[in-house]
Amino acid sequence: MPTATPLLTLLNGWSPPTVVVVGDFMLDRYLFGNADRLAPDAPVPVLDVQRTDDRPGGASNVCVCLAALRARVRAVGIAGDDEPGRALRAALQTAGVETAGLAADGDRPTTVKQNLVGLAQHRHPQKMFRLDFEDRTPLPGAAVERMLAAVDEAIDGAQAVILEDYHKGVCTPELCRGVIERAHAAGLPVLVDPAAIADYGRYAGADAITPNRTEAERATGLSADDPSAMAARLQAEHGFGHVVLTLDRHGALLRSPDGVEETLPTRARSVYDVTGAGDVVLATLAAAVAQGAAYADGVRLANLAAGLEVERSGVVPIPLEELYLEAMEEAAADRGKVRTLQELVPELAAHRHRGRTVAFTNGCFDVLHAGHVGYLRSAAATADLLVVGVNDDQSIRRLKGPERPVNPLEDRLRVLSELACVRYVVPFATDTPLSLIEAVQPSVLVKGADYTRDTVVGASFVEARGGRVELVPLVEGRSTTNILRRIGGG
């Protein structure tokens, strides 16, 4: 059977981590409407606002991105004791983020990015303007101490810490140093998304830093055309463990603690909106590293997630199921169609996440013939994709006698995999496919018309879940038994 790629191996073994996110928590407020006329009193477009949408932004978006990857997320930061602050907390809590560490500050307003998005004839949304409501004053010492106390509580039982700095006054040098010291004392890695500032000294000693090309150029004074030199200088000057320099369409450069560098490419995309891509990279990398993944694999996964994010309008978290499906489809050409049940189940979950229906049928398929092909084509027509369960050699011997099968399991799997109508082939060793059907959870259970609904194994299970049983016609006179009888008598 084909070997899973490193990304699929990582995703198959995904163990949701606990991650602490510290930094600048913001609310992204979107005003959507038609913008198909100019104002009569000035040469400016008019936005007829039709709806408002609040989304977590900044460190808040990192939290939501982590939650979409099934992480347990603890937020540590400050939001105003105001309407946007309450809306932000509600949005985070709806996403499953723990907000006990997100303090309410009556003297500091919640940072709000108000985006005006216009549509022409109800289509083609484009950002027209952005209004920022914020206070960038550095946090006073007492507020920093309160945040560090919240960090002490939040890191208990966590696997990683994220520092998300948007240069809004929260991530002061004292706060950053305190977070890194506390995390390291607890044995936790710290991953930093730096602000667009010239001095990265406040992040010194972090396990990973993830600047983009422009941010690294500003922090090093070197040319953005030489990412290797920028990564080396950042590491040498500030003692970062890993430097992950994101390079937009060129992927990312990873520099490891030993100075070894690797450029990790990304697949070409139709870029719609790059907003939030850096947050997705940081969240995905942190979630992977938190469960022991190699940084190179974490960056590859982060590249994949960012590629999906930039194809959408606005800031959109990428669910684990969608990430899995993307990794699966990238690897499909090399992996073929044969899967173990353990590999198959998460792949089917990813397909369902995109709204695809699954049909299942099973059999020995010992000597493949025209009857089999017609039957499988009919089965495939009942859903978006067809899974075929195949009896292994031992179960066939129990069912049909010691002379069968004629063709060993490996050959039967290979032949079935060549049929265009078949999406997956999975072997099973039991005398009936019931346990396999329960794991696959098909929308449609297919058997031949020589069965009745009452004799179809798994029918009750499928129907109880809202699925259906389909009995498809067989090609008359075509069967493995008849073929073997003719061969034996010839």
Foldseek 3Di string as FASTA:
>chain_A
DFDADPLLVLLLPADAFEEEEEEAKAKEKEFEAAFDDADPVDRHTDGPGDDMDIDIDFSLLLLLLSLLQVHAYEYAEEAEPDDRRVVSVVNSVVSNHHDPRHYYDPVWHHWYKYWYWHDHVPDDTDTDDIDIDGALAADDPVVLVSRLVSLLVRCVRGLAYEYTYQNSRDLDLVNLVSNCVSCVVVVHAYEYADYLAQDPQSNAPHQEYEYELNSLCSNPVDDSVCVLVSQVVVCVVRVHQWYWYQYVQQQTWIQGNVRDIDGAHADDADFDAQPQLSSLLRSQLRSSVSVPHDSVSSSNLSSLQSRVQRVDPDHDRDHSLCSSLSSCVVCPVVRFAEDELSSPLSNLVSCVVVVWFEEEEEDACQPPDPQNLVQLLVRLVVTVAYEYEHEAFVLCCVVPNDVDDPDHPVVSLVVVSPRPSHRHYYYDHDNACQVVCVSSLGLEYEDAPVDDLVPHRNQVVNVVVVHHYDHHYTDPPDDPVNVVVVVVVD
